[in-house]
Amino acid sequence: MIADDDPGIVDAVEIILDFEGYQVSSTVNGATILDMKTEFPDLLLLDIWMSGFDGRDICRKLKNDDTTKRIPIIMISASRDIERSAYDAGADDFLAKPFEIDELLGKIRKLLEV
C-alpha cells in the first residue's frame, strides 16, 4: 500500500510496482490507514508529511497495535533531516525523495523476504 498526499508520486509508484508484479492499493489520506480493520497490506510505503497527518504518528499507532505491528513500513520524505525520527517512530526503513526506483524496489524485496 502507498500512502502519500502527492497524487503524482502515488500514481508513478503504483504504476511501477504494478509493472513489477505487485498488487498495489493506495491512498492520499492518512485516515484511511488508521481505519483499516481487515485486509492489511503486506507492506506500507508511508509519507511522513501527509495533509492533516504526521506519518510518524500513523507508524507509531500501527507498530503499537498487535494486529498491525508486523506490517513492514518504509517511510518516505523530501526531508533527509528527519530520517532518525522515522526510525524512532518504528519505521523498518526510510527513503528520501526524490528516490531511485531501483532503491525502492530493493527495499521492498528485502522487507518482504523476511
C-alpha atoms as a PDB file:
ATOM      1  CA  MET A   1       0.000   0.000   0.000  1.00  0.00           C
ATOM      2  CA  ILE A   2       1.185   3.507  -0.849  1.00  0.00           C
ATOM      3  CA  ALA A   3       0.112   6.390   1.393  1.00  0.00           C
ATOM      4  CA  ASP A   4       1.199   9.799   0.134  1.00  0.00           C
ATOM      5  CA  ASP A   5      -0.724  13.043  -0.301  1.00  0.00           C
ATOM      6  CA  ASP A   6       1.036  13.730  -3.611  1.00  0.00           C
ATOM      7  CA  PRO A   7      -1.110  12.038  -6.294  1.00  0.00           C
ATOM      8  CA  GLY A   8       1.772  12.247  -8.780  1.00  0.00           C
ATOM      9  CA  ILE A   9       4.034  10.156  -6.553  1.00  0.00           C
ATOM     10  CA  VAL A  10       1.209   7.724  -5.781  1.00  0.00           C
ATOM     11  CA  ASP A  11       0.422   7.253  -9.478  1.00  0.00           C
ATOM     12  CA  ALA A  12       4.053   6.848 -10.550  1.00  0.00           C
ATOM     13  CA  VAL A  13       4.984   4.396  -7.802  1.00  0.00           C
ATOM     14  CA  GLU A  14       1.743   2.466  -8.250  1.00  0.00           C
ATOM     15  CA  ILE A  15       2.404   2.022 -11.990  1.00  0.00           C
ATOM     16  CA  ILE A  16       5.972   0.843 -11.396  1.00  0.00           C
ATOM     17  CA  LEU A  17       5.040  -1.592  -8.616  1.00  0.00           C
ATOM     18  CA  ASP A  18       2.146  -2.932 -10.684  1.00  0.00           C
ATOM     19  CA  PHE A  19       4.545  -3.472 -13.589  1.00  0.00           C
ATOM     20  CA  GLU A  20       6.877  -5.359 -11.209  1.00  0.00           C
ATOM     21  CA  GLY A  21       4.004  -7.720 -10.345  1.00  0.00           C
ATOM     22  CA  TYR A  22       2.898  -6.295  -7.019  1.00  0.00           C
ATOM     23  CA  GLN A  23      -0.770  -5.891  -6.177  1.00  0.00           C
ATOM     24  CA  VAL A  24      -0.961  -2.242  -5.136  1.00  0.00           C
ATOM     25  CA  SER A  25      -3.506  -0.159  -3.280  1.00  0.00           C
ATOM     26  CA  SER A  26      -3.068   3.500  -2.478  1.00  0.00           C
ATOM     27  CA  THR A  27      -4.457   6.406  -0.528  1.00  0.00           C
ATOM     28  CA  VAL A  28      -3.795  10.114  -0.278  1.00  0.00           C
ATOM     29  CA  ASN A  29      -5.481  10.233   3.143  1.00  0.00           C
ATOM     30  CA  GLY A  30      -3.760   9.135   6.350  1.00  0.00           C
ATOM     31  CA  ALA A  31      -7.111   8.379   7.995  1.00  0.00           C
ATOM     32  CA  THR A  32      -7.630   5.524   5.536  1.00  0.00           C
ATOM     33  CA  ILE A  33      -4.674   3.692   7.060  1.00  0.00           C
ATOM     34  CA  LEU A  34      -5.872   4.137  10.616  1.00  0.00           C
ATOM     35  CA  ASP A  35      -9.360   2.945   9.634  1.00  0.00           C
ATOM     36  CA  MET A  36      -8.074  -0.442   8.377  1.00  0.00           C
ATOM     37  CA  LYS A  37      -9.669  -3.289  10.317  1.00  0.00           C
ATOM     38  CA  THR A  38      -9.081  -6.213   7.941  1.00  0.00           C
ATOM     39  CA  GLU A  39      -7.263  -6.834   4.686  1.00  0.00           C
ATOM     40  CA  PHE A  40      -3.967  -5.362   5.829  1.00  0.00           C
ATOM     41  CA  PRO A  41      -1.211  -4.729   3.266  1.00  0.00           C
ATOM     42  CA  ASP A  42       1.943  -6.845   3.157  1.00  0.00           C
ATOM     43  CA  LEU A  43       3.982  -3.625   3.223  1.00  0.00           C
ATOM     44  CA  LEU A  44       3.251   0.083   3.654  1.00  0.00           C
ATOM     45  CA  LEU A  45       5.075   2.893   1.850  1.00  0.00           C
ATOM     46  CA  LEU A  46       4.196   5.839   4.074  1.00  0.00           C
ATOM     47  CA  ASP A  47       4.908   9.542   3.526  1.00  0.00           C
ATOM     48  CA  ILE A  48       5.972  11.385   6.680  1.00  0.00           C
ATOM     49  CA  TRP A  49       4.163  14.636   5.824  1.00  0.00           C
ATOM     50  CA  MET A  50       0.577  13.955   4.771  1.00  0.00           C
ATOM     51  CA  SER A  51      -2.214  16.530   4.767  1.00  0.00           C
ATOM     52  CA  GLY A  52      -3.548  16.649   8.306  1.00  0.00           C
ATOM     53  CA  PHE A  53      -1.484  13.665   9.449  1.00  0.00           C
ATOM     54  CA  ASP A  54       2.069  13.033  10.530  1.00  0.00           C
ATOM     55  CA  GLY A  55       3.168   9.700   9.100  1.00  0.00           C
ATOM     56  CA  ARG A  56       5.307   9.106  12.174  1.00  0.00           C
ATOM     57  CA  ASP A  57       2.165   9.168  14.352  1.00  0.00           C
ATOM     58  CA  ILE A  58       0.484   6.708  11.996  1.00  0.00           C
ATOM     59  CA  CYS A  59       3.568   4.486  12.096  1.00  0.00           C
ATOM     60  CA  ARG A  60       3.661   4.534  15.917  1.00  0.00           C
ATOM     61  CA  LYS A  61      -0.024   3.575  16.115  1.00  0.00           C
ATOM     62  CA  LEU A  62       0.419   0.709  13.659  1.00  0.00           C
ATOM     63  CA  LYS A  63       3.551  -0.591  15.379  1.00  0.00           C
ATOM     64  CA  ASN A  64       1.854  -0.437  18.818  1.00  0.00           C
ATOM     65  CA  ASP A  65      -1.174  -2.445  17.672  1.00  0.00           C
ATOM     66  CA  ASP A  66      -0.895  -6.247  17.832  1.00  0.00           C
ATOM     67  CA  THR A  67      -2.837  -6.692  14.588  1.00  0.00           C
ATOM     68  CA  THR A  68      -0.632  -4.342  12.521  1.00  0.00           C
ATOM     69  CA  LYS A  69       2.763  -4.271  14.238  1.00  0.00           C
ATOM     70  CA  ARG A  70       4.301  -6.806  11.839  1.00  0.00           C
ATOM     71  CA  ILE A  71       3.493  -4.809   8.690  1.00  0.00           C
ATOM     72  CA  PRO A  72       6.817  -3.562   7.296  1.00  0.00           C
ATOM     73  CA  ILE A  73       6.776   0.221   6.895  1.00  0.00           C
ATOM     74  CA  ILE A  74       9.057   2.217   4.615  1.00  0.00           C
ATOM     75  CA  MET A  75       8.730   5.900   5.433  1.00  0.00           C
ATOM     76  CA  ILE A  76       9.430   8.440   2.701  1.00  0.00           C
ATOM     77  CA  SER A  77      10.081  12.159   2.948  1.00  0.00           C
ATOM     78  CA  ALA A  78      11.501  15.044   0.976  1.00  0.00           C
ATOM     79  CA  SER A  79      13.412  15.994   4.126  1.00  0.00           C
ATOM     80  CA  ARG A  80      16.512  13.907   4.788  1.00  0.00           C
ATOM     81  CA  ASP A  81      16.876  15.604   8.183  1.00  0.00           C
ATOM     82  CA  ILE A  82      14.032  13.622   9.735  1.00  0.00           C
ATOM     83  CA  GLU A  83      15.258  10.120   8.880  1.00  0.00           C
ATOM     84  CA  ARG A  84      16.147   9.405  12.519  1.00  0.00           C
ATOM     85  CA  SER A  85      12.645  10.360  13.663  1.00  0.00           C
ATOM     86  CA  ALA A  86      11.168   7.916  11.148  1.00  0.00           C
ATOM     87  CA  TYR A  87      13.166   5.068  12.696  1.00  0.00           C
ATOM     88  CA  ASP A  88      12.286   6.300  16.183  1.00  0.00           C
ATOM     89  CA  ALA A  89       8.606   6.044  15.226  1.00  0.00           C
ATOM     90  CA  GLY A  90       9.123   2.379  14.342  1.00  0.00           C
ATOM     91  CA  ALA A  91       9.739   2.505  10.589  1.00  0.00           C
ATOM     92  CA  ASP A  92      11.511  -0.531   9.167  1.00  0.00           C
ATOM     93  CA  ASP A  93      13.271   1.561   6.524  1.00  0.00           C
ATOM     94  CA  PHE A  94      13.491   5.116   5.171  1.00  0.00           C
ATOM     95  CA  LEU A  95      13.730   6.602   1.698  1.00  0.00           C
ATOM     96  CA  ALA A  96      14.390  10.272   0.900  1.00  0.00           C
ATOM     97  CA  LYS A  97      12.545  11.909  -2.012  1.00  0.00           C
ATOM     98  CA  PRO A  98      13.386  12.016  -4.789  1.00  0.00           C
ATOM     99  CA  PHE A  99      14.402   8.381  -4.786  1.00  0.00           C
ATOM    100  CA  GLU A 100      15.627   5.918  -7.352  1.00  0.00           C
ATOM    101  CA  ILE A 101      13.059   3.282  -8.268  1.00  0.00           C
ATOM    102  CA  ASP A 102      15.696   0.532  -8.060  1.00  0.00           C
ATOM    103  CA  GLU A 103      16.450   1.565  -4.478  1.00  0.00           C
ATOM    104  CA  LEU A 104      12.738   1.438  -3.594  1.00  0.00           C
ATOM    105  CA  LEU A 105      12.324  -1.970  -5.223  1.00  0.00           C
ATOM    106  CA  GLY A 106      15.376  -3.297  -3.357  1.00  0.00           C
ATOM    107  CA  LYS A 107      13.995  -2.146  -0.010  1.00  0.00           C
ATOM    108  CA  ILE A 108      10.593  -3.660  -0.763  1.00  0.00           C
ATOM    109  CA  ARG A 109      12.102  -7.008  -1.783  1.00  0.00           C
ATOM    110  CA  LYS A 110      14.284  -7.072   1.330  1.00  0.00           C
ATOM    111  CA  LEU A 111      11.378  -6.406   3.715  1.00  0.00           C
ATOM    112  CA  LEU A 112       9.023  -8.864   2.021  1.00  0.00           C
ATOM    113  CA  GLU A 113      11.611 -11.685   2.141  1.00  0.00           C
ATOM    114  CA  VAL A 114      11.726 -11.688   5.929  1.00  0.00           C
END
